[in-house]
Amino acid sequence: MMRIYSDFDGTIAVHDIGNKLFQKYVGPKALEIVKHYLNGTMTARECLTQECAAVPSVTAKELESFVHQFSLDPSFGAFVEFCRHRNIPLVVLSDGLDFYVERLLKKHGHQGLPFYSNHLEFVQQGGVTKMVPSFPYTDAECPLCGNCKRNHLLTLSGDDDIIVYIGDGISDRCPVRFADIVFAKGSLIRYCQDQNVTYHEFRDFTDVMSRLELLLKRKRIRKRREAEMARREVFAQG
């Protein structure tokens, strides 16, 4: 069976909602926090925690109003139907916050689509409402992401499954190593090139559908040898 996993920010969503959120509510300080993450002196969990803590005060209602101004890739709806008609499981994996992932999927009629992300709560602290993230899907041995996408790929997929991954950024670097078919855009392209990960470049989900249609017409889709070996290595260590 083919199983498809897709990033959210900058992939399903036209913009990186998380970045936009913190640019609005934190300002230039958000960029300073992210720099520490990019240069490796701060983990993804630390970065998101500090970004949320830097937001002076915001209510769920205010944040929901902000989130609803953003859109999904116009071709994503057709892609969901493409997968449904072919009985291909589609799962959204985000290293962002469930607050906006859930609301934007629901806004566009995809509330039944399974997704995994970091969790956000609003807590009263000193008379103001603060954003407090938590990480239900973290990997204690890996500091790269808050939501370990690799673990989702491995636990939700079977030995005989063909794993497809679609992404664009830093949090997608790990899971593409374990995927048989990779669709990349943005900075993920350079990573795939540097790491010799075979990929298909895409602009939107129309490109993804076109390429998958061609692949599905083949009698047999081969697994990517390097990805299969990487998956076996993880299970051997476990």
Protein backbone atom coordinates (compact mmCIF):
# COMPACT_ATOMS: atom_id res chain seq x y z
CA MET A 1 0.00 0.00 0.00
CA MET A 2 1.12 3.55 -0.69
CA ARG A 3 0.97 5.92 2.29
CA ILE A 4 1.41 9.67 1.95
CA TYR A 5 2.68 12.06 4.61
CA SER A 6 2.78 15.82 4.13
CA ASP A 7 4.22 18.78 5.96
CA PHE A 8 1.82 21.65 6.70
CA ASP A 9 3.52 25.07 6.95
CA GLY A 10 4.65 26.23 3.51
CA THR A 11 3.49 22.96 1.96
CA ILE A 12 -0.24 22.46 2.54
CA ALA A 13 -0.58 26.02 3.82
CA VAL A 14 0.61 28.64 1.34
CA HIS A 15 2.61 30.43 4.04
CA ASP A 16 4.56 29.32 7.09
CA ILE A 17 1.80 30.15 9.58
CA GLY A 18 4.05 29.67 12.61
CA ASN A 19 6.60 32.18 11.35
CA LYS A 20 3.87 34.67 10.45
CA LEU A 21 2.30 34.28 13.88
CA PHE A 22 5.46 35.05 15.81
CA GLN A 23 6.50 37.86 13.48
CA LYS A 24 3.19 39.55 14.25
CA TYR A 25 3.04 39.03 18.01
CA VAL A 26 6.74 39.02 18.91
CA GLY A 27 8.39 41.14 16.22
CA PRO A 28 12.19 41.19 15.63
CA LYS A 29 12.84 39.16 18.80
CA ALA A 30 11.28 36.15 17.06
CA LEU A 31 14.00 36.27 14.41
CA GLU A 32 16.68 36.35 17.10
CA ILE A 33 15.21 33.25 18.74
CA VAL A 34 15.03 31.38 15.44
CA LYS A 35 18.67 32.23 14.67
CA HIS A 36 19.74 30.20 17.71
CA TYR A 37 17.74 27.24 16.40
CA LEU A 38 19.19 27.55 12.90
CA ASN A 39 22.78 27.70 14.13
CA GLY A 40 22.26 24.65 16.35
CA THR A 41 22.52 26.30 19.77
CA MET A 42 18.84 25.72 20.55
CA THR A 43 16.55 22.72 20.02
CA ALA A 44 13.26 22.98 18.15
CA ARG A 45 11.35 22.51 21.39
CA GLU A 46 13.32 25.26 23.09
CA CYS A 47 12.79 27.54 20.11
CA LEU A 48 9.01 27.10 20.04
CA THR A 49 8.76 27.40 23.82
CA GLN A 50 10.71 30.67 23.83
CA GLU A 51 8.72 32.06 20.90
CA CYS A 52 5.46 31.36 22.70
CA ALA A 53 6.78 32.83 25.95
CA ALA A 54 7.78 36.00 24.08
CA VAL A 55 4.19 36.68 23.01
CA PRO A 56 3.05 39.37 25.50
CA SER A 57 -0.58 38.24 25.66
CA VAL A 58 -3.09 36.81 23.21
CA THR A 59 -6.43 35.07 23.60
CA ALA A 60 -7.62 32.05 21.66
CA LYS A 61 -10.24 34.21 19.97
CA GLU A 62 -7.65 36.78 18.85
CA LEU A 63 -5.33 34.09 17.53
CA GLU A 64 -8.17 32.34 15.72
CA SER A 65 -9.05 35.57 13.94
CA PHE A 66 -5.41 35.94 12.87
CA VAL A 67 -5.16 32.33 11.65
CA HIS A 68 -8.29 32.50 9.51
CA GLN A 69 -6.74 35.04 7.14
CA PHE A 70 -4.44 32.34 5.73
CA SER A 71 -5.19 29.89 2.94
CA LEU A 72 -4.22 26.40 1.89
CA ASP A 73 -2.70 25.45 -1.46
CA PRO A 74 -5.66 25.83 -3.87
CA SER A 75 -4.95 22.36 -5.28
CA PHE A 76 -4.80 20.62 -1.90
CA GLY A 77 -8.54 19.86 -1.88
CA ALA A 78 -8.20 18.05 -5.20
CA PHE A 79 -5.22 16.16 -3.80
CA VAL A 80 -7.26 14.96 -0.81
CA GLU A 81 -9.88 13.64 -3.23
CA PHE A 82 -7.15 12.10 -5.37
CA CYS A 83 -5.97 10.09 -2.35
CA ARG A 84 -9.48 9.21 -1.19
CA HIS A 85 -10.57 7.81 -4.56
CA ARG A 86 -7.47 5.61 -4.68
CA ASN A 87 -7.69 4.52 -1.02
CA ILE A 88 -4.31 6.06 -0.27
CA PRO A 89 -3.98 7.08 3.41
CA LEU A 90 -2.92 10.72 3.79
CA VAL A 91 -1.53 12.06 7.06
CA VAL A 92 -0.44 15.61 7.90
CA LEU A 93 2.75 15.97 9.96
CA SER A 94 3.57 19.41 11.33
CA ASP A 95 6.25 20.73 13.67
CA GLY A 96 3.96 23.71 14.20
CA LEU A 97 0.98 24.10 16.50
CA ASP A 98 -2.26 22.13 16.43
CA PHE A 99 -4.22 25.34 17.06
CA TYR A 100 -3.82 26.64 13.53
CA VAL A 101 -3.38 23.31 11.74
CA GLU A 102 -6.72 22.04 13.03
CA ARG A 103 -8.59 25.29 12.31
CA LEU A 104 -7.29 25.75 8.79
CA LEU A 105 -7.98 22.14 7.84
CA LYS A 106 -11.52 22.48 9.22
CA LYS A 107 -12.04 25.84 7.49
CA HIS A 108 -11.34 24.18 4.14
CA GLY A 109 -13.47 21.10 4.80
CA HIS A 110 -10.69 18.68 5.79
CA GLN A 111 -11.55 18.26 9.48
CA GLY A 112 -11.46 14.46 9.14
CA LEU A 113 -7.89 14.41 7.89
CA PRO A 114 -5.54 12.92 10.50
CA PHE A 115 -2.71 15.16 11.64
CA TYR A 116 0.04 15.17 14.26
CA SER A 117 1.65 18.33 15.60
CA ASN A 118 2.74 20.13 18.76
CA HIS A 119 -0.02 21.15 21.18
CA LEU A 120 -0.94 24.67 22.29
CA GLU A 121 -2.79 25.76 25.40
CA PHE A 122 -3.71 29.22 26.70
CA VAL A 123 -2.83 29.77 30.36
CA GLN A 124 -3.55 32.70 32.65
CA GLN A 125 -0.30 34.03 34.11
CA GLY A 126 -0.12 37.22 36.11
CA GLY A 127 -3.36 38.56 34.69
CA VAL A 128 -2.46 37.94 31.04
CA THR A 129 -3.17 35.05 28.67
CA LYS A 130 0.01 33.23 27.63
CA MET A 131 0.66 30.66 24.91
CA VAL A 132 2.12 27.46 26.35
CA PRO A 133 3.22 24.68 23.97
CA SER A 134 3.68 21.01 24.77
CA PHE A 135 5.20 18.20 22.76
CA PRO A 136 3.20 14.94 22.86
CA TYR A 137 5.12 13.39 19.96
CA THR A 138 8.68 14.29 20.80
CA ASP A 139 11.59 11.85 20.60
CA ALA A 140 13.69 12.04 23.76
CA GLU A 141 16.84 11.03 21.87
CA CYS A 142 16.47 13.59 19.06
CA PRO A 143 16.43 17.38 19.65
CA LEU A 144 15.86 18.35 16.01
CA CYS A 145 12.05 18.56 16.10
CA GLY A 146 9.27 18.96 18.62
CA ASN A 147 7.04 16.55 16.70
CA CYS A 148 9.12 13.60 15.50
CA LYS A 149 7.93 13.05 11.94
CA ARG A 150 10.24 10.09 11.45
CA ASN A 151 8.53 8.17 14.26
CA HIS A 152 5.12 8.75 12.70
CA LEU A 153 6.35 7.44 9.35
CA LEU A 154 7.72 4.30 10.96
CA THR A 155 4.86 3.53 13.35
CA LEU A 156 2.03 4.22 10.91
CA SER A 157 3.57 2.36 7.96
CA GLY A 158 4.01 -1.36 7.38
CA ASP A 159 7.00 -3.23 5.97
CA ASP A 160 5.38 -3.55 2.56
CA ASP A 161 4.15 0.04 2.30
CA ILE A 162 5.54 2.58 -0.14
CA ILE A 163 6.13 5.77 1.87
CA VAL A 164 5.65 9.13 0.15
CA TYR A 165 6.76 12.34 1.86
CA ILE A 166 5.98 15.92 0.78
CA GLY A 167 7.76 18.89 2.36
CA ASP A 168 9.69 22.13 2.06
CA GLY A 169 11.82 22.91 5.10
CA ILE A 170 14.05 22.03 8.04
CA SER A 171 11.64 19.75 9.91
CA ASP A 172 11.30 17.67 6.72
CA ARG A 173 14.99 16.82 6.49
CA CYS A 174 14.79 13.84 8.80
CA PRO A 175 11.67 12.10 7.40
CA VAL A 176 12.81 12.28 3.76
CA ARG A 177 15.67 9.95 4.67
CA PHE A 178 13.07 7.26 5.44
CA ALA A 179 10.70 7.87 2.51
CA ASP A 180 10.66 5.92 -0.74
CA ILE A 181 9.26 8.80 -2.81
CA VAL A 182 10.08 12.40 -1.89
CA PHE A 183 8.48 15.61 -3.15
CA ALA A 184 10.52 18.68 -2.25
CA LYS A 185 10.47 22.43 -2.68
CA GLY A 186 12.08 25.40 -0.92
CA SER A 187 15.17 24.71 1.19
CA LEU A 188 14.41 20.98 1.24
CA ILE A 189 15.59 20.75 -2.38
CA ARG A 190 19.13 21.81 -1.45
CA TYR A 191 19.16 19.36 1.46
CA CYS A 192 18.10 16.47 -0.79
CA GLN A 193 20.77 17.43 -3.31
CA ASP A 194 23.47 17.65 -0.62
CA GLN A 195 22.46 14.32 0.94
CA ASN A 196 21.88 12.49 -2.36
CA VAL A 197 18.20 11.90 -1.60
CA THR A 198 16.26 11.28 -4.80
CA TYR A 199 13.36 13.73 -5.03
CA HIS A 200 10.72 15.21 -7.31
CA GLU A 201 10.53 18.99 -7.31
CA PHE A 202 7.02 20.43 -6.98
CA ARG A 203 5.34 23.83 -6.86
CA ASP A 204 1.91 22.77 -5.64
CA PHE A 205 -0.20 19.64 -5.21
CA THR A 206 -1.12 19.63 -8.89
CA ASP A 207 2.50 18.68 -9.59
CA VAL A 208 2.36 15.99 -6.92
CA MET A 209 -0.82 14.48 -8.36
CA SER A 210 0.59 14.42 -11.88
CA ARG A 211 3.76 12.63 -10.82
CA LEU A 212 1.93 10.15 -8.58
CA GLU A 213 -0.50 9.35 -11.39
CA LEU A 214 2.43 8.33 -13.56
CA LEU A 215 4.00 6.27 -10.77
CA LEU A 216 0.73 4.48 -9.96
CA LYS A 217 0.41 3.35 -13.57
CA ARG A 218 3.50 1.24 -13.11
CA LYS A 219 2.87 -2.40 -12.26
CA ARG A 220 5.32 -2.20 -9.39
CA ILE A 221 6.74 0.80 -7.55
CA ARG A 222 10.18 0.13 -6.19
CA LYS A 223 11.19 1.13 -2.71
CA ARG A 224 14.16 3.46 -2.36
CA ARG A 225 16.99 1.23 -1.15
CA GLU A 226 18.59 3.85 1.11
CA ALA A 227 15.23 4.60 2.79
CA GLU A 228 14.50 0.92 3.34
CA MET A 229 17.91 0.41 4.93
CA ALA A 230 17.43 3.47 7.16
CA ARG A 231 14.09 2.11 8.37
CA ARG A 232 15.59 -1.31 9.11
CA GLU A 233 18.43 0.29 11.04
CA VAL A 234 16.01 2.15 13.32
CA PHE A 235 14.06 -1.01 14.11
CA ALA A 236 17.27 -2.96 14.68
CA GLN A 237 18.39 -0.38 17.24
CA GLY A 238 15.00 -0.53 18.97
